[in-house]
């Protein structure tokens, strides 16, 4: 059995992400922002009542129970996966027992396997939200189209010419890096053994020319990548700014002040990652 996991965007998203995880387990895709609105996620997270009402809106038959020590032994008879309260301030999805451990989808870290001792010590209040998809209401819910990568790819495609030039330069630099050891082999095998000073001059000029040409290509490549990342970052920031200005006041009331700033940092990190991949990946072929 494959356990589905969805990771949270921010700390208060855990409840909404748990619902998204269970919906994904049953073959449906719900956007986290949509679930946040349904369950009423605020700056302090989501309440159990909000999760139950939100789950019912999403087409689940929801029931909250408190698991005692006696019921814990019959846990696998419950309709799992279910949402449980973790360490008093977090929501996770309990999939059930696998071997000697219990499978948990933690929105903060992903899939985890914990012992019974760790489960009981972290699941202190025993609160559990059982969710069973309704045969009619759940199937009538529309799937959300989550296409983050495709939208990012559309922003990259206009710069495919610049990226193509940068990749080509990277390949040329890689080929030139293979030529230097070859020249040094000639230096040791032919020049030093036979004392051919004329060949020594040719090899020295070749090494200098290759290094000089590689330096020029690296300078051109860095300028191309810098231009690409600046234009890409500017486009992402402008699109993000336009989207932020369209959002209602309730969006800001439900989120912490630093969350929007962190999204801008994410854009910068994405640009750095793209530039590192473009500059480093082709060169790995020659190492």
Protein backbone atom coordinates (compact mmCIF):
# COMPACT_ATOMS: atom_id res chain seq x y z
CA UNK A 1 0.00 0.00 0.00
CA UNK A 2 1.38 3.38 -1.01
CA UNK A 3 0.96 6.10 1.59
CA UNK A 4 0.15 9.52 0.19
CA UNK A 5 1.77 12.60 1.71
CA UNK A 6 1.28 16.33 1.16
CA UNK A 7 3.67 18.84 2.74
CA UNK A 8 2.56 22.06 4.39
CA UNK A 9 3.44 25.52 3.08
CA UNK A 10 3.45 27.10 6.53
CA UNK A 11 3.08 25.97 10.13
CA UNK A 12 -0.63 26.72 10.43
CA UNK A 13 -1.42 24.69 7.28
CA UNK A 14 -1.11 21.29 9.00
CA UNK A 15 -4.85 20.72 9.45
CA UNK A 16 -5.71 21.67 5.88
CA UNK A 17 -2.82 19.56 4.57
CA UNK A 18 -4.07 16.52 6.50
CA UNK A 19 -7.41 16.80 4.72
CA UNK A 20 -5.59 17.19 1.39
CA UNK A 21 -3.54 14.06 2.18
CA UNK A 22 -6.59 11.93 2.96
CA UNK A 23 -8.42 13.25 -0.11
CA UNK A 24 -5.37 12.34 -2.21
CA UNK A 25 -5.38 8.87 -0.63
CA UNK A 26 -8.94 8.46 -1.94
CA UNK A 27 -7.98 9.70 -5.40
CA UNK A 28 -8.98 13.35 -5.29
CA UNK A 29 -6.88 16.52 -5.47
CA UNK A 30 -7.79 19.59 -3.43
CA UNK A 31 -5.72 22.79 -3.35
CA UNK A 32 -4.45 23.66 0.11
CA UNK A 33 -5.63 27.27 -0.19
CA UNK A 34 -9.13 26.06 -0.97
CA UNK A 35 -9.14 23.75 2.06
CA UNK A 36 -7.83 26.57 4.27
CA UNK A 37 -10.86 28.64 3.37
CA UNK A 38 -13.22 25.71 3.95
CA UNK A 39 -11.86 24.78 7.41
CA UNK A 40 -11.29 28.38 8.53
CA UNK A 41 -7.54 28.22 9.08
CA UNK A 42 -6.28 31.25 11.02
CA UNK A 43 -2.92 32.42 12.32
CA UNK A 44 -3.15 29.85 15.13
CA UNK A 45 -4.01 26.98 12.79
CA UNK A 46 -7.23 24.96 12.53
CA UNK A 47 -9.57 23.68 15.23
CA UNK A 48 -11.01 20.17 15.37
CA UNK A 49 -14.47 21.61 14.78
CA UNK A 50 -13.21 23.44 11.72
CA UNK A 51 -11.63 20.24 10.38
CA UNK A 52 -14.84 18.26 10.90
CA UNK A 53 -17.06 20.86 9.25
CA UNK A 54 -14.56 21.34 6.43
CA UNK A 55 -14.30 17.59 5.85
CA UNK A 56 -18.09 17.35 5.57
CA UNK A 57 -18.08 20.21 3.07
CA UNK A 58 -15.49 18.29 1.03
CA UNK A 59 -17.76 15.25 0.87
CA UNK A 60 -16.55 13.18 3.82
CA UNK A 61 -18.64 11.64 6.55
CA UNK A 62 -16.71 12.90 9.58
CA UNK A 63 -16.82 11.73 13.19
CA UNK A 64 -14.60 12.79 16.06
CA UNK A 65 -13.76 10.21 18.74
CA UNK A 66 -11.46 9.89 21.72
CA UNK A 67 -9.30 6.77 21.65
CA UNK A 68 -8.77 5.13 25.04
CA UNK A 69 -6.21 2.48 25.96
CA UNK A 70 -8.82 -0.25 25.37
CA UNK A 71 -9.80 1.09 21.96
CA UNK A 72 -6.15 1.56 20.99
CA UNK A 73 -5.76 -2.23 20.69
CA UNK A 74 -8.51 -2.23 18.04
CA UNK A 75 -7.12 0.77 16.17
CA UNK A 76 -6.70 -1.04 12.86
CA UNK A 77 -10.44 -1.78 12.82
CA UNK A 78 -11.12 1.96 12.51
CA UNK A 79 -11.63 3.52 9.04
CA UNK A 80 -8.07 4.72 8.45
CA UNK A 81 -6.43 7.00 7.43
CA UNK A 82 -7.64 9.45 10.06
CA UNK A 83 -6.47 12.75 11.51
CA UNK A 84 -5.00 12.80 15.03
CA UNK A 85 -3.79 15.58 17.33
CA UNK A 86 0.00 15.47 17.66
CA UNK A 87 1.93 16.90 20.61
CA UNK A 88 -0.87 19.32 21.45
CA UNK A 89 -0.26 21.78 18.61
CA UNK A 90 -0.10 19.82 15.36
CA UNK A 91 -2.26 17.64 13.13
CA UNK A 92 -1.01 14.49 11.39
CA UNK A 93 -2.55 11.64 9.40
CA UNK A 94 -2.47 8.17 10.94
CA UNK A 95 -2.44 5.42 8.32
CA UNK A 96 -2.24 2.52 10.72
CA UNK A 97 0.17 -0.18 11.81
CA UNK A 98 2.81 -1.59 9.51
CA UNK A 99 4.94 -4.27 11.08
CA UNK A 100 5.99 -3.15 14.53
CA UNK A 101 5.54 0.54 13.78
CA UNK A 102 2.80 2.99 12.84
CA UNK A 103 2.76 4.94 9.58
CA UNK A 104 2.13 8.67 9.95
CA UNK A 105 1.95 11.36 7.27
CA UNK A 106 3.34 14.44 8.99
CA UNK A 107 2.65 17.65 7.01
CA UNK A 108 5.89 19.14 8.36
CA UNK A 109 8.33 16.36 7.39
CA UNK A 110 6.48 13.78 5.28
CA UNK A 111 5.98 10.07 5.89
CA UNK A 112 7.20 8.75 9.24
CA UNK A 113 7.21 5.40 11.02
CA UNK A 114 6.94 5.63 14.80
CA UNK A 115 6.86 3.11 17.60
CA UNK A 116 3.81 2.58 19.79
CA UNK A 117 5.55 4.37 22.64
CA UNK A 118 6.25 7.45 20.52
CA UNK A 119 2.71 7.39 19.15
CA UNK A 120 1.05 7.26 22.56
CA UNK A 121 3.39 9.86 24.08
CA UNK A 122 2.78 12.34 21.23
CA UNK A 123 -0.92 11.58 20.81
CA UNK A 124 -1.65 12.72 24.34
CA UNK A 125 -5.37 13.58 24.20
CA UNK A 126 -6.41 10.63 22.03
CA UNK A 127 -8.53 12.84 19.77
CA UNK A 128 -9.13 11.38 16.32
CA UNK A 129 -11.17 12.56 13.35
CA UNK A 130 -12.49 9.62 11.34
CA UNK A 131 -13.17 10.38 7.69
CA UNK A 132 -15.10 8.19 5.26
CA UNK A 133 -15.76 9.55 1.76
CA UNK A 134 -19.45 9.75 0.94
CA UNK A 135 -20.27 7.72 -2.16
CA UNK A 136 -22.14 10.63 -3.74
CA UNK A 137 -20.98 13.92 -2.21
CA UNK A 138 -17.25 13.13 -2.32
CA UNK A 139 -17.34 12.07 -5.97
CA UNK A 140 -19.22 15.24 -6.90
CA UNK A 141 -16.41 17.45 -5.60
CA UNK A 142 -14.38 19.01 -8.44
CA UNK A 143 -10.66 18.31 -8.57
CA UNK A 144 -8.35 21.31 -8.26
CA UNK A 145 -5.79 21.67 -11.01
CA UNK A 146 -2.45 22.10 -9.25
CA UNK A 147 0.09 23.08 -11.91
CA UNK A 148 2.88 24.95 -10.19
CA UNK A 149 5.69 23.48 -12.34
CA UNK A 150 3.86 23.99 -15.63
CA UNK A 151 3.22 27.65 -14.78
CA UNK A 152 6.90 28.08 -13.90
CA UNK A 153 7.88 26.36 -17.16
CA UNK A 154 5.77 28.84 -19.13
CA UNK A 155 7.80 31.67 -17.60
CA UNK A 156 11.09 29.97 -18.49
CA UNK A 157 10.23 29.16 -22.12
CA UNK A 158 10.50 32.78 -23.40
CA UNK A 159 14.17 32.68 -22.40
CA UNK A 160 14.93 29.34 -24.07
CA UNK A 161 17.29 31.09 -26.49
CA UNK A 162 19.42 32.47 -23.65
CA UNK A 163 19.34 29.13 -21.85
CA UNK A 164 20.31 27.30 -25.03
CA UNK A 165 23.32 29.57 -25.52
CA UNK A 166 24.36 29.13 -21.88
CA UNK A 167 24.07 25.34 -22.12
CA UNK A 168 26.05 25.28 -25.37
CA UNK A 169 28.81 27.38 -23.81
CA UNK A 170 28.82 25.04 -20.84
CA UNK A 171 29.31 22.05 -23.11
CA UNK A 172 32.17 23.80 -24.94
CA UNK A 173 33.83 24.59 -21.60
CA UNK A 174 33.48 20.93 -20.66
CA UNK A 175 35.13 19.81 -23.90
CA UNK A 176 37.97 22.27 -23.38
CA UNK A 177 38.49 20.96 -19.88
CA UNK A 178 39.16 17.53 -21.42
CA UNK A 179 41.80 18.99 -23.73
CA UNK A 180 44.04 20.27 -20.92
CA UNK A 181 44.91 16.81 -19.47
CA UNK A 182 45.58 15.61 -23.03
CA UNK A 183 48.12 18.39 -23.57
CA UNK A 184 49.81 17.62 -20.26
CA UNK A 185 50.06 13.98 -21.33
CA UNK A 186 51.87 15.09 -24.48
CA UNK A 187 54.11 17.23 -22.29
CA UNK A 188 55.17 14.29 -20.12
CA UNK A 189 55.29 11.57 -22.80
CA UNK A 190 56.87 13.44 -25.70
CA UNK A 191 58.37 16.75 -24.67
CA UNK A 192 60.18 15.67 -21.50
CA UNK A 193 61.31 12.33 -22.91
CA UNK A 194 62.56 13.58 -26.28
CA UNK A 195 63.47 17.09 -25.21
CA UNK A 196 61.46 18.63 -28.05
CA UNK A 197 61.53 22.35 -27.20
CA UNK A 198 59.50 23.29 -30.26
CA UNK A 199 56.68 20.98 -29.19
CA UNK A 200 56.97 22.41 -25.66
CA UNK A 201 56.28 25.87 -27.06
CA UNK A 202 53.25 24.59 -28.96
CA UNK A 203 51.87 22.83 -25.86
CA UNK A 204 52.41 25.90 -23.67
CA UNK A 205 50.66 28.16 -26.18
CA UNK A 206 47.81 25.62 -26.42
CA UNK A 207 47.32 25.49 -22.64
CA UNK A 208 47.33 29.29 -22.36
CA UNK A 209 44.93 29.64 -25.30
CA UNK A 210 42.52 27.04 -23.87
CA UNK A 211 42.50 28.65 -20.43
CA UNK A 212 42.04 32.12 -21.93
CA UNK A 213 39.21 30.95 -24.19
CA UNK A 214 37.54 29.12 -21.28
CA UNK A 215 37.71 32.25 -19.14
CA UNK A 216 36.08 34.32 -21.89
CA UNK A 217 33.33 31.73 -22.32
CA UNK A 218 32.72 31.60 -18.56
CA UNK A 219 32.40 35.39 -18.48
CA UNK A 220 29.87 35.33 -21.33
CA UNK A 221 27.98 32.49 -19.70
CA UNK A 222 27.77 34.24 -16.32
CA UNK A 223 26.36 37.35 -18.04
CA UNK A 224 23.74 35.27 -19.85
CA UNK A 225 22.68 33.49 -16.66
CA UNK A 226 22.63 36.76 -14.73
CA UNK A 227 20.38 38.35 -17.36
CA UNK A 228 18.08 35.31 -17.36
CA UNK A 229 17.73 35.10 -13.57
CA UNK A 230 17.11 38.85 -13.22
CA UNK A 231 14.36 38.80 -15.84
CA UNK A 232 12.82 35.63 -14.41
CA UNK A 233 12.88 36.95 -10.84
CA UNK A 234 11.37 40.26 -11.94
CA UNK A 235 8.54 38.46 -13.74
CA UNK A 236 7.81 36.21 -10.76
CA UNK A 237 7.85 39.11 -8.30
CA UNK A 238 5.52 41.20 -10.46
CA UNK A 239 3.11 38.28 -10.88
CA UNK A 240 3.24 37.62 -7.14
CA UNK A 241 2.60 41.29 -6.40
CA UNK A 242 -0.41 41.42 -8.73
CA UNK A 243 -1.84 38.30 -7.11
CA UNK A 244 -1.31 39.67 -3.60
CA UNK A 245 -3.13 42.91 -4.43
CA UNK A 246 -6.17 40.96 -5.65
CA UNK A 247 -6.56 38.96 -2.43
CA UNK A 248 -9.23 39.91 0.12
CA UNK A 249 -8.47 41.17 3.62
CA UNK A 250 -9.39 37.77 5.09
CA UNK A 251 -6.31 36.30 3.40
CA UNK A 252 -3.99 38.54 5.42
CA UNK A 253 -5.95 38.05 8.63
CA UNK A 254 -5.51 34.27 8.37
CA UNK A 255 -1.75 34.38 7.79
CA UNK A 256 1.27 35.51 9.73
CA UNK A 257 3.08 38.67 8.72
CA UNK A 258 6.28 36.90 7.69
CA UNK A 259 4.62 34.38 5.38
CA UNK A 260 4.35 36.75 2.41
CA UNK A 261 7.96 37.84 2.84
CA UNK A 262 9.02 34.19 2.88
CA UNK A 263 7.39 33.71 -0.53
CA UNK A 264 9.67 36.40 -1.94
CA UNK A 265 12.66 34.54 -0.50
CA UNK A 266 11.37 31.38 -2.17
CA UNK A 267 11.42 33.15 -5.54
CA UNK A 268 15.05 34.12 -5.01
CA UNK A 269 15.96 30.56 -4.03
CA UNK A 270 14.24 29.20 -7.14
CA UNK A 271 16.31 31.52 -9.33
CA UNK A 272 19.52 30.45 -7.63
CA UNK A 273 18.62 26.79 -8.09
CA UNK A 274 17.84 27.25 -11.79
CA UNK A 275 21.11 29.08 -12.41
CA UNK A 276 23.08 26.38 -10.57
CA UNK A 277 21.44 23.64 -12.63
CA UNK A 278 22.05 25.42 -15.93
CA UNK A 279 25.70 26.09 -15.12
CA UNK A 280 26.55 22.85 -13.35
CA UNK A 281 24.52 20.02 -14.87
CA UNK A 282 26.11 19.82 -18.35
CA UNK A 283 29.57 20.10 -16.82
CA UNK A 284 28.91 16.98 -14.74
CA UNK A 285 29.02 14.97 -17.98
CA UNK A 286 32.74 15.63 -18.27
CA UNK A 287 33.67 14.96 -14.61
